[in-house]
Amino acid sequence: MGQSAKIAARAKAKAEIAHLAARGVRLAGCAFPQILFVKGTPNAAEAAGGQPLSGADGEALFKAVSALGYAPEEWAGCLGVLEDGSALEPALLSLVIATLSPLTVVATDEAARRLLRDALANDLVELVDLSEALLEPGVVVQAAGLRVMAVGEFEAALADPAAKQLMWARLKRLPPLGEPY
């Protein structure tokens, strides 16, 4: 990609992300992620306006994906709650996914699983396996050109060593795709 194409791509991404921010979408991480984490229910700090995934859960997710081989600039996070406290609608999550164009999307709690399931409903309804169609925790699904998984209640699992190990086992099913840079 030539220098002018890179500049144009960055400008386009900046404008699209600004459009999402103007609609109240709360994002963290990079503009060109390989993996996008969707967190449905904010913790107290996030609910008070803190950056998405800036707490212990974000730190644990970052460490996990780093251990799997993702570079620091290859992840992003999205909250299921807008700046005004209202719920992120499935159509807006679809726009976030289309804008960021990740290869993998991970729901980090039950609220995110439901939101992601609604956003991908047209593709999930075509799946034969009911556990895939429902995005049951731990099941890797191919839908809408994405690799998708719900891990379960990630933040709550951090307090329980056995549940934490289950989260790690699930995340290990999502190694980076393609060649490392």
N, C-alpha and C. Protein backbone atom coordinates (compact mmCIF):
# COMPACT_ATOMS: atom_id res chain seq x y z
N MET A 1 0.86 -1.17 0.00
CA MET A 1 0.00 0.00 0.00
C MET A 1 0.90 1.22 0.00
N GLY A 2 0.65 2.13 -0.92
CA GLY A 2 1.43 3.34 -1.00
C GLY A 2 1.16 4.27 0.16
N GLN A 3 2.05 5.24 0.36
CA GLN A 3 1.92 6.18 1.47
C GLN A 3 0.61 6.94 1.41
N SER A 4 0.20 7.41 0.21
CA SER A 4 -1.05 8.16 0.11
C SER A 4 -2.26 7.28 0.42
N ALA A 5 -2.20 6.00 0.08
CA ALA A 5 -3.29 5.09 0.40
C ALA A 5 -3.39 4.87 1.91
N LYS A 6 -2.23 4.77 2.58
CA LYS A 6 -2.22 4.61 4.03
C LYS A 6 -2.80 5.85 4.71
N ILE A 7 -2.43 7.01 4.22
CA ILE A 7 -2.96 8.26 4.79
C ILE A 7 -4.46 8.33 4.59
N ALA A 8 -4.93 7.94 3.41
CA ALA A 8 -6.37 7.96 3.12
C ALA A 8 -7.11 6.96 4.01
N ALA A 9 -6.53 5.77 4.21
CA ALA A 9 -7.16 4.76 5.05
C ALA A 9 -7.27 5.25 6.50
N ARG A 10 -6.21 5.88 7.00
CA ARG A 10 -6.24 6.42 8.36
C ARG A 10 -7.29 7.53 8.49
N ALA A 11 -7.36 8.41 7.50
CA ALA A 11 -8.33 9.50 7.53
C ALA A 11 -9.76 8.94 7.50
N LYS A 12 -9.97 7.93 6.68
CA LYS A 12 -11.30 7.30 6.59
C LYS A 12 -11.67 6.67 7.93
N ALA A 13 -10.74 5.92 8.52
CA ALA A 13 -11.00 5.28 9.81
C ALA A 13 -11.27 6.32 10.88
N LYS A 14 -10.50 7.39 10.88
CA LYS A 14 -10.69 8.46 11.88
C LYS A 14 -12.08 9.08 11.75
N ALA A 15 -12.53 9.33 10.52
CA ALA A 15 -13.86 9.91 10.30
C ALA A 15 -14.96 8.94 10.71
N GLU A 16 -14.79 7.67 10.39
CA GLU A 16 -15.81 6.68 10.74
C GLU A 16 -15.90 6.49 12.26
N ILE A 17 -14.76 6.47 12.93
CA ILE A 17 -14.76 6.32 14.39
C ILE A 17 -15.33 7.57 15.05
N ALA A 18 -15.04 8.73 14.49
CA ALA A 18 -15.63 9.97 15.00
C ALA A 18 -17.16 9.94 14.86
N HIS A 19 -17.64 9.36 13.76
CA HIS A 19 -19.08 9.21 13.55
C HIS A 19 -19.68 8.31 14.64
N LEU A 20 -19.01 7.21 14.95
CA LEU A 20 -19.49 6.32 16.01
C LEU A 20 -19.47 7.04 17.36
N ALA A 21 -18.40 7.76 17.64
CA ALA A 21 -18.30 8.50 18.91
C ALA A 21 -19.42 9.55 19.01
N ALA A 22 -19.74 10.20 17.90
CA ALA A 22 -20.82 11.19 17.90
C ALA A 22 -22.17 10.55 18.22
N ARG A 23 -22.29 9.27 17.93
CA ARG A 23 -23.52 8.53 18.24
C ARG A 23 -23.49 7.95 19.65
N GLY A 24 -22.40 8.22 20.38
CA GLY A 24 -22.29 7.79 21.77
C GLY A 24 -21.62 6.45 21.99
N VAL A 25 -21.08 5.84 20.94
CA VAL A 25 -20.42 4.54 21.08
C VAL A 25 -19.13 4.71 21.87
N ARG A 26 -18.90 3.79 22.80
CA ARG A 26 -17.71 3.83 23.66
C ARG A 26 -16.75 2.74 23.24
N LEU A 27 -15.61 3.16 22.69
CA LEU A 27 -14.60 2.25 22.17
C LEU A 27 -13.27 2.45 22.88
N ALA A 28 -12.45 1.41 22.85
CA ALA A 28 -11.07 1.48 23.34
C ALA A 28 -10.23 0.62 22.41
N GLY A 29 -8.92 0.86 22.42
CA GLY A 29 -8.03 0.05 21.61
C GLY A 29 -7.75 0.70 20.27
N CYS A 30 -7.50 -0.13 19.27
CA CYS A 30 -7.06 0.39 17.99
C CYS A 30 -8.20 0.45 16.96
N ALA A 31 -7.93 1.15 15.87
CA ALA A 31 -8.92 1.35 14.82
C ALA A 31 -8.97 0.19 13.82
N PHE A 32 -7.93 -0.64 13.79
CA PHE A 32 -7.86 -1.76 12.85
C PHE A 32 -7.59 -3.06 13.62
N PRO A 33 -8.51 -3.47 14.51
CA PRO A 33 -8.23 -4.62 15.36
C PRO A 33 -8.41 -5.96 14.64
N GLN A 34 -7.64 -6.93 15.08
CA GLN A 34 -7.91 -8.31 14.67
C GLN A 34 -9.02 -8.88 15.52
N ILE A 35 -9.07 -8.46 16.79
CA ILE A 35 -10.04 -9.01 17.73
C ILE A 35 -10.76 -7.87 18.44
N LEU A 36 -12.08 -7.97 18.49
CA LEU A 36 -12.93 -6.97 19.14
C LEU A 36 -13.65 -7.63 20.31
N PHE A 37 -13.50 -7.05 21.49
CA PHE A 37 -14.22 -7.52 22.67
C PHE A 37 -15.43 -6.63 22.88
N VAL A 38 -16.59 -7.26 23.04
CA VAL A 38 -17.82 -6.54 23.32
C VAL A 38 -18.20 -6.85 24.75
N LYS A 39 -18.30 -5.80 25.57
CA LYS A 39 -18.67 -5.94 26.98
C LYS A 39 -20.04 -5.32 27.16
N GLY A 40 -21.02 -6.11 27.52
CA GLY A 40 -22.38 -5.63 27.61
C GLY A 40 -22.68 -4.79 28.83
N THR A 41 -22.20 -5.21 29.98
CA THR A 41 -22.50 -4.53 31.23
C THR A 41 -21.24 -3.86 31.77
N PRO A 42 -21.24 -2.53 31.84
CA PRO A 42 -20.05 -1.84 32.35
C PRO A 42 -19.88 -2.05 33.86
N ASN A 43 -18.62 -2.04 34.31
CA ASN A 43 -18.38 -2.07 35.75
C ASN A 43 -18.57 -0.63 36.28
N ALA A 44 -18.37 -0.43 37.56
CA ALA A 44 -18.62 0.88 38.17
C ALA A 44 -17.77 1.98 37.52
N ALA A 45 -16.50 1.70 37.29
CA ALA A 45 -15.61 2.72 36.70
C ALA A 45 -16.05 3.06 35.28
N GLU A 46 -16.41 2.06 34.50
CA GLU A 46 -16.86 2.29 33.12
C GLU A 46 -18.20 3.03 33.11
N ALA A 47 -19.10 2.66 34.04
CA ALA A 47 -20.39 3.33 34.13
C ALA A 47 -20.22 4.81 34.50
N ALA A 48 -19.15 5.11 35.23
CA ALA A 48 -18.86 6.49 35.63
C ALA A 48 -18.11 7.27 34.54
N GLY A 49 -17.91 6.65 33.38
CA GLY A 49 -17.27 7.35 32.27
C GLY A 49 -15.86 6.88 31.97
N GLY A 50 -15.37 5.89 32.70
CA GLY A 50 -14.04 5.36 32.45
C GLY A 50 -13.95 4.67 31.10
N GLN A 51 -12.74 4.55 30.60
CA GLN A 51 -12.51 3.93 29.31
C GLN A 51 -12.96 2.46 29.34
N PRO A 52 -13.58 1.98 28.27
CA PRO A 52 -13.98 0.57 28.22
C PRO A 52 -12.79 -0.37 28.41
N LEU A 53 -13.02 -1.41 29.20
CA LEU A 53 -12.02 -2.45 29.46
C LEU A 53 -10.73 -1.90 30.07
N SER A 54 -10.85 -0.86 30.89
CA SER A 54 -9.67 -0.29 31.52
C SER A 54 -9.43 -0.86 32.91
N GLY A 55 -10.31 -1.75 33.36
CA GLY A 55 -10.16 -2.34 34.68
C GLY A 55 -9.44 -3.66 34.65
N ALA A 56 -9.65 -4.46 35.68
CA ALA A 56 -8.98 -5.76 35.80
C ALA A 56 -9.35 -6.69 34.66
N ASP A 57 -10.59 -6.61 34.19
CA ASP A 57 -11.00 -7.49 33.09
C ASP A 57 -10.27 -7.13 31.79
N GLY A 58 -10.14 -5.85 31.52
CA GLY A 58 -9.41 -5.42 30.33
C GLY A 58 -7.94 -5.81 30.41
N GLU A 59 -7.35 -5.65 31.60
CA GLU A 59 -5.96 -6.03 31.78
C GLU A 59 -5.78 -7.54 31.56
N ALA A 60 -6.70 -8.33 32.09
CA ALA A 60 -6.62 -9.79 31.92
C ALA A 60 -6.83 -10.18 30.46
N LEU A 61 -7.77 -9.52 29.78
CA LEU A 61 -7.99 -9.82 28.36
C LEU A 61 -6.76 -9.46 27.54
N PHE A 62 -6.16 -8.31 27.84
CA PHE A 62 -4.97 -7.88 27.12
C PHE A 62 -3.82 -8.88 27.33
N LYS A 63 -3.62 -9.33 28.56
CA LYS A 63 -2.58 -10.31 28.84
C LYS A 63 -2.86 -11.62 28.11
N ALA A 64 -4.12 -12.04 28.09
CA ALA A 64 -4.49 -13.29 27.44
C ALA A 64 -4.23 -13.23 25.94
N VAL A 65 -4.69 -12.17 25.29
CA VAL A 65 -4.49 -12.11 23.84
C VAL A 65 -3.02 -11.89 23.49
N SER A 66 -2.28 -11.22 24.36
CA SER A 66 -0.84 -11.08 24.14
C SER A 66 -0.17 -12.45 24.22
N ALA A 67 -0.57 -13.26 25.20
CA ALA A 67 -0.02 -14.61 25.34
C ALA A 67 -0.37 -15.48 24.14
N LEU A 68 -1.50 -15.20 23.51
CA LEU A 68 -1.90 -15.97 22.33
C LEU A 68 -1.17 -15.54 21.07
N GLY A 69 -0.51 -14.37 21.12
CA GLY A 69 0.26 -13.91 19.97
C GLY A 69 -0.27 -12.67 19.29
N TYR A 70 -1.32 -12.06 19.84
CA TYR A 70 -1.81 -10.80 19.29
C TYR A 70 -0.86 -9.68 19.70
N ALA A 71 -0.60 -8.77 18.79
CA ALA A 71 0.20 -7.60 19.11
C ALA A 71 -0.67 -6.61 19.90
N PRO A 72 -0.05 -5.72 20.69
CA PRO A 72 -0.83 -4.76 21.49
C PRO A 72 -1.80 -3.91 20.66
N GLU A 73 -1.44 -3.66 19.41
CA GLU A 73 -2.30 -2.81 18.58
C GLU A 73 -3.36 -3.60 17.81
N GLU A 74 -3.56 -4.86 18.17
CA GLU A 74 -4.50 -5.69 17.41
C GLU A 74 -5.81 -5.97 18.13
N TRP A 75 -6.13 -5.22 19.18
CA TRP A 75 -7.40 -5.45 19.86
C TRP A 75 -8.15 -4.14 20.04
N ALA A 76 -9.46 -4.29 20.22
CA ALA A 76 -10.32 -3.15 20.53
C ALA A 76 -11.44 -3.65 21.44
N GLY A 77 -12.04 -2.73 22.14
CA GLY A 77 -13.16 -3.05 23.02
C GLY A 77 -14.30 -2.10 22.78
N CYS A 78 -15.51 -2.60 22.95
CA CYS A 78 -16.72 -1.80 22.79
C CYS A 78 -17.67 -2.11 23.94
N LEU A 79 -18.22 -1.07 24.54
CA LEU A 79 -19.21 -1.26 25.60
C LEU A 79 -20.61 -1.36 25.00
N GLY A 80 -21.45 -2.12 25.65
CA GLY A 80 -22.84 -2.27 25.23
C GLY A 80 -23.72 -1.15 25.74
N VAL A 81 -23.10 -0.10 26.27
CA VAL A 81 -23.81 1.05 26.80
C VAL A 81 -23.23 2.30 26.15
N LEU A 82 -24.10 3.19 25.70
CA LEU A 82 -23.67 4.43 25.07
C LEU A 82 -23.25 5.46 26.12
N GLU A 83 -22.67 6.55 25.66
CA GLU A 83 -22.25 7.64 26.56
C GLU A 83 -23.38 8.13 27.46
N ASP A 84 -24.60 8.17 26.95
CA ASP A 84 -25.73 8.66 27.74
C ASP A 84 -26.33 7.60 28.66
N GLY A 85 -25.73 6.40 28.68
CA GLY A 85 -26.22 5.33 29.56
C GLY A 85 -27.24 4.42 28.92
N SER A 86 -27.71 4.76 27.75
CA SER A 86 -28.69 3.89 27.07
C SER A 86 -27.98 2.70 26.44
N ALA A 87 -28.75 1.69 26.12
CA ALA A 87 -28.20 0.46 25.56
C ALA A 87 -27.76 0.66 24.11
N LEU A 88 -26.65 0.05 23.77
CA LEU A 88 -26.19 0.00 22.39
C LEU A 88 -27.16 -0.92 21.63
N GLU A 89 -27.71 -0.43 20.55
CA GLU A 89 -28.65 -1.22 19.75
C GLU A 89 -27.88 -2.18 18.85
N PRO A 90 -28.48 -3.35 18.54
CA PRO A 90 -27.81 -4.31 17.67
C PRO A 90 -27.37 -3.73 16.32
N ALA A 91 -28.20 -2.88 15.72
CA ALA A 91 -27.82 -2.28 14.43
C ALA A 91 -26.58 -1.41 14.57
N LEU A 92 -26.45 -0.73 15.69
CA LEU A 92 -25.27 0.11 15.91
C LEU A 92 -24.04 -0.76 16.18
N LEU A 93 -24.22 -1.89 16.88
CA LEU A 93 -23.10 -2.82 17.04
C LEU A 93 -22.68 -3.36 15.68
N SER A 94 -23.62 -3.65 14.82
CA SER A 94 -23.29 -4.10 13.46
C SER A 94 -22.45 -3.06 12.74
N LEU A 95 -22.79 -1.79 12.93
CA LEU A 95 -22.02 -0.71 12.32
C LEU A 95 -20.62 -0.64 12.92
N VAL A 96 -20.49 -0.83 14.21
CA VAL A 96 -19.17 -0.85 14.86
C VAL A 96 -18.32 -1.96 14.24
N ILE A 97 -18.90 -3.14 14.11
CA ILE A 97 -18.18 -4.28 13.54
C ILE A 97 -17.77 -3.99 12.11
N ALA A 98 -18.68 -3.44 11.32
CA ALA A 98 -18.37 -3.11 9.93
C ALA A 98 -17.29 -2.03 9.85
N THR A 99 -17.32 -1.08 10.75
CA THR A 99 -16.35 0.01 10.74
C THR A 99 -14.95 -0.48 11.12
N LEU A 100 -14.87 -1.26 12.21
CA LEU A 100 -13.58 -1.72 12.69
C LEU A 100 -13.06 -2.92 11.90
N SER A 101 -13.96 -3.68 11.34
CA SER A 101 -13.63 -4.83 10.51
C SER A 101 -12.67 -5.82 11.17
N PRO A 102 -13.01 -6.27 12.40
CA PRO A 102 -12.15 -7.27 13.04
C PRO A 102 -12.32 -8.63 12.38
N LEU A 103 -11.40 -9.53 12.64
CA LEU A 103 -11.53 -10.90 12.17
C LEU A 103 -12.29 -11.75 13.18
N THR A 104 -12.20 -11.35 14.46
CA THR A 104 -12.80 -12.09 15.56
C THR A 104 -13.54 -11.13 16.48
N VAL A 105 -14.73 -11.56 16.94
CA VAL A 105 -15.50 -10.78 17.90
C VAL A 105 -15.82 -11.68 19.08
N VAL A 106 -15.58 -11.15 20.30
CA VAL A 106 -15.77 -11.91 21.52
C VAL A 106 -16.73 -11.16 22.44
N ALA A 107 -17.80 -11.84 22.85
CA ALA A 107 -18.72 -11.29 23.85
C ALA A 107 -18.19 -11.69 25.22
N THR A 108 -18.01 -10.70 26.11
CA THR A 108 -17.37 -10.98 27.40
C THR A 108 -18.35 -11.17 28.56
N ASP A 109 -19.64 -11.07 28.30
CA ASP A 109 -20.63 -11.32 29.34
C ASP A 109 -21.97 -11.66 28.67
N GLU A 110 -22.95 -12.00 29.49
CA GLU A 110 -24.25 -12.42 28.96
C GLU A 110 -24.95 -11.30 28.19
N ALA A 111 -24.87 -10.08 28.69
CA ALA A 111 -25.51 -8.96 27.98
C ALA A 111 -24.87 -8.76 26.60
N ALA A 112 -23.56 -8.91 26.52
CA ALA A 112 -22.88 -8.78 25.23
C ALA A 112 -23.24 -9.94 24.30
N ARG A 113 -23.38 -11.14 24.86
CA ARG A 113 -23.78 -12.30 24.05
C ARG A 113 -25.13 -12.05 23.40
N ARG A 114 -26.09 -11.57 24.19
CA ARG A 114 -27.43 -11.28 23.64
C ARG A 114 -27.35 -10.19 22.58
N LEU A 115 -26.58 -9.15 22.84
CA LEU A 115 -26.43 -8.04 21.90
C LEU A 115 -25.80 -8.53 20.60
N LEU A 116 -24.73 -9.29 20.71
CA LEU A 116 -24.05 -9.81 19.53
C LEU A 116 -24.94 -10.79 18.77
N ARG A 117 -25.66 -11.61 19.50
CA ARG A 117 -26.60 -12.55 18.87
C ARG A 117 -27.66 -11.80 18.09
N ASP A 118 -28.16 -10.70 18.63
CA ASP A 118 -29.16 -9.90 17.91
C ASP A 118 -28.55 -9.20 16.70
N ALA A 119 -27.32 -8.72 16.85
CA ALA A 119 -26.65 -8.03 15.74
C ALA A 119 -26.36 -8.97 14.58
N LEU A 120 -26.11 -10.23 14.88
CA LEU A 120 -25.77 -11.22 13.85
C LEU A 120 -26.92 -12.18 13.56
N ALA A 121 -28.12 -11.84 13.99
CA ALA A 121 -29.26 -12.76 13.91
C ALA A 121 -29.49 -13.30 12.51
N ASN A 122 -29.39 -12.49 11.49
CA ASN A 122 -29.65 -12.95 10.12
C ASN A 122 -28.70 -14.06 9.69
N ASP A 123 -27.47 -14.03 10.18
CA ASP A 123 -26.49 -15.07 9.85
C ASP A 123 -26.61 -16.26 10.80
N LEU A 124 -26.85 -16.00 12.07
CA LEU A 124 -26.92 -17.08 13.04
C LEU A 124 -28.13 -17.99 12.80
N VAL A 125 -29.22 -17.45 12.32
CA VAL A 125 -30.43 -18.24 12.09
C VAL A 125 -30.21 -19.31 11.03
N GLU A 126 -29.22 -19.12 10.19
CA GLU A 126 -28.91 -20.08 9.13
C GLU A 126 -28.08 -21.27 9.63
N LEU A 127 -27.53 -21.18 10.82
CA LEU A 127 -26.68 -22.25 11.34
C LEU A 127 -27.51 -23.44 11.80
N VAL A 128 -27.02 -24.63 11.49
CA VAL A 128 -27.74 -25.86 11.83
C VAL A 128 -27.57 -26.21 13.30
N ASP A 129 -26.39 -26.01 13.83
CA ASP A 129 -26.08 -26.35 15.22
C ASP A 129 -26.69 -25.30 16.15
N LEU A 130 -27.60 -25.73 17.02
CA LEU A 130 -28.29 -24.80 17.91
C LEU A 130 -27.33 -24.09 18.86
N SER A 131 -26.29 -24.78 19.34
CA SER A 131 -25.34 -24.13 20.25
C SER A 131 -24.59 -23.01 19.54
N GLU A 132 -24.34 -23.17 18.24
CA GLU A 132 -23.72 -22.10 17.46
C GLU A 132 -24.71 -20.96 17.24
N ALA A 133 -25.93 -21.30 16.86
CA ALA A 133 -26.95 -20.29 16.58
C ALA A 133 -27.26 -19.43 17.80
N LEU A 134 -27.13 -20.02 18.99
CA LEU A 134 -27.40 -19.28 20.23
C LEU A 134 -26.16 -18.62 20.80
N LEU A 135 -25.02 -18.79 20.13
CA LEU A 135 -23.74 -18.29 20.64
C LEU A 135 -23.50 -18.74 22.08
N GLU A 136 -23.66 -20.03 22.31
CA GLU A 136 -23.43 -20.55 23.66
C GLU A 136 -21.97 -20.33 24.05
N PRO A 137 -21.71 -20.00 25.31
CA PRO A 137 -20.34 -19.73 25.76
C PRO A 137 -19.38 -20.86 25.42
N GLY A 138 -18.22 -20.46 24.87
CA GLY A 138 -17.17 -21.39 24.55
C GLY A 138 -17.22 -21.98 23.15
N VAL A 139 -18.30 -21.73 22.43
CA VAL A 139 -18.46 -22.28 21.08
C VAL A 139 -17.97 -21.25 20.07
N VAL A 140 -17.01 -21.66 19.23
CA VAL A 140 -16.50 -20.78 18.18
C VAL A 140 -17.42 -20.92 16.98
N VAL A 141 -17.90 -19.77 16.48
CA VAL A 141 -18.88 -19.73 15.41
C VAL A 141 -18.33 -18.92 14.25
N GLN A 142 -18.60 -19.36 13.04
CA GLN A 142 -18.30 -18.58 11.84
C GLN A 142 -19.62 -17.97 11.38
N ALA A 143 -19.72 -16.65 11.43
CA ALA A 143 -20.94 -15.96 11.03
C ALA A 143 -20.59 -14.58 10.50
N ALA A 144 -21.25 -14.19 9.45
CA ALA A 144 -21.07 -12.86 8.85
C ALA A 144 -19.61 -12.59 8.49
N GLY A 145 -18.89 -13.63 8.11
CA GLY A 145 -17.48 -13.47 7.75
C GLY A 145 -16.57 -13.24 8.94
N LEU A 146 -17.06 -13.54 10.14
CA LEU A 146 -16.32 -13.33 11.38
C LEU A 146 -16.17 -14.63 12.13
N ARG A 147 -15.17 -14.69 12.96
CA ARG A 147 -15.06 -15.75 13.96
C ARG A 147 -15.61 -15.12 15.24
N VAL A 148 -16.61 -15.77 15.83
CA VAL A 148 -17.34 -15.19 16.96
C VAL A 148 -17.38 -16.19 18.11
N MET A 149 -17.25 -15.68 19.34
CA MET A 149 -17.42 -16.51 20.51
C MET A 149 -17.89 -15.67 21.69
N ALA A 150 -18.75 -16.26 22.49
CA ALA A 150 -19.09 -15.72 23.81
C ALA A 150 -18.27 -16.51 24.81
N VAL A 151 -17.55 -15.83 25.69
CA VAL A 151 -16.73 -16.56 26.66
C VAL A 151 -17.46 -16.82 27.96
N GLY A 152 -18.54 -16.13 28.23
CA GLY A 152 -19.23 -16.23 29.51
C GLY A 152 -18.99 -14.95 30.30
N GLU A 153 -19.16 -15.03 31.59
CA GLU A 153 -19.02 -13.86 32.46
C GLU A 153 -17.54 -13.66 32.82
N PHE A 154 -16.80 -13.02 31.92
CA PHE A 154 -15.35 -12.89 32.07
C PHE A 154 -14.96 -12.13 33.33
N GLU A 155 -15.51 -10.96 33.54
CA GLU A 155 -15.11 -10.14 34.69
C GLU A 155 -15.38 -10.85 36.01
N ALA A 156 -16.53 -11.50 36.13
CA ALA A 156 -16.86 -12.24 37.35
C ALA A 156 -15.94 -13.42 37.55
N ALA A 157 -15.47 -14.03 36.46
CA ALA A 157 -14.59 -15.21 36.54
C ALA A 157 -13.23 -14.88 37.14
N LEU A 158 -12.84 -13.62 37.11
CA LEU A 158 -11.51 -13.26 37.62
C LEU A 158 -11.36 -13.53 39.11
N ALA A 159 -12.48 -13.60 39.83
CA ALA A 159 -12.43 -13.84 41.28
C ALA A 159 -12.39 -15.32 41.63
N ASP A 160 -12.56 -16.21 40.66
CA ASP A 160 -12.62 -17.65 40.90
C ASP A 160 -11.57 -18.34 40.03
N PRO A 161 -10.54 -18.93 40.64
CA PRO A 161 -9.47 -19.56 39.86
C PRO A 161 -9.97 -20.58 38.83
N ALA A 162 -10.95 -21.40 39.18
CA ALA A 162 -11.44 -22.41 38.24
C ALA A 162 -12.16 -21.75 37.06
N ALA A 163 -12.97 -20.74 37.36
CA ALA A 163 -13.68 -20.03 36.29
C ALA A 163 -12.69 -19.25 35.41
N LYS A 164 -11.65 -18.73 36.03
CA LYS A 164 -10.62 -18.01 35.29
C LYS A 164 -9.91 -18.96 34.32
N GLN A 165 -9.63 -20.17 34.75
CA GLN A 165 -9.01 -21.17 33.88
C GLN A 165 -9.94 -21.53 32.71
N LEU A 166 -11.24 -21.59 32.97
CA LEU A 166 -12.20 -21.86 31.91
C LEU A 166 -12.18 -20.74 30.87
N MET A 167 -12.11 -19.50 31.33
CA MET A 167 -12.03 -18.37 30.39
C MET A 167 -10.78 -18.47 29.53
N TRP A 168 -9.65 -18.81 30.16
CA TRP A 168 -8.40 -18.95 29.42
C TRP A 168 -8.51 -20.07 28.39
N ALA A 169 -9.11 -21.19 28.78
CA ALA A 169 -9.28 -22.31 27.84
C ALA A 169 -10.13 -21.89 26.65
N ARG A 170 -11.15 -21.10 26.90
CA ARG A 170 -12.01 -20.63 25.81
C ARG A 170 -11.25 -19.66 24.90
N LEU A 171 -10.53 -18.72 25.48
CA LEU A 171 -9.79 -17.75 24.68
C LEU A 171 -8.70 -18.42 23.84
N LYS A 172 -8.15 -19.53 24.32
CA LYS A 172 -7.11 -20.23 23.56
C LYS A 172 -7.65 -20.79 22.24
N ARG A 173 -8.96 -20.87 22.11
CA ARG A 173 -9.57 -21.32 20.85
C ARG A 173 -9.57 -20.23 19.78
N LEU A 174 -9.06 -19.04 20.14
CA LEU A 174 -9.09 -17.89 19.23
C LEU A 174 -7.69 -17.34 18.97
N PRO A 175 -6.77 -18.16 18.48
CA PRO A 175 -5.44 -17.62 18.18
C PRO A 175 -5.53 -16.61 17.04
N PRO A 176 -4.52 -15.78 16.89
CA PRO A 176 -4.53 -14.83 15.78
C PRO A 176 -4.64 -15.55 14.44
N LEU A 177 -5.32 -14.92 13.52
CA LEU A 177 -5.44 -15.44 12.17
C LEU A 177 -4.40 -14.77 11.28
N GLY A 178 -3.84 -15.49 10.35
CA GLY A 178 -2.90 -14.90 9.41
C GLY A 178 -1.51 -14.82 9.97
N GLU A 179 -0.65 -14.21 9.20
CA GLU A 179 0.75 -14.08 9.54
C GLU A 179 0.97 -12.98 10.57
N PRO A 180 1.86 -13.19 11.52
CA PRO A 180 2.19 -12.10 12.45
C PRO A 180 2.98 -11.02 11.70
N TYR A 181 2.86 -9.79 12.17
CA TYR A 181 3.55 -8.67 11.53
C TYR A 181 4.79 -8.31 12.30
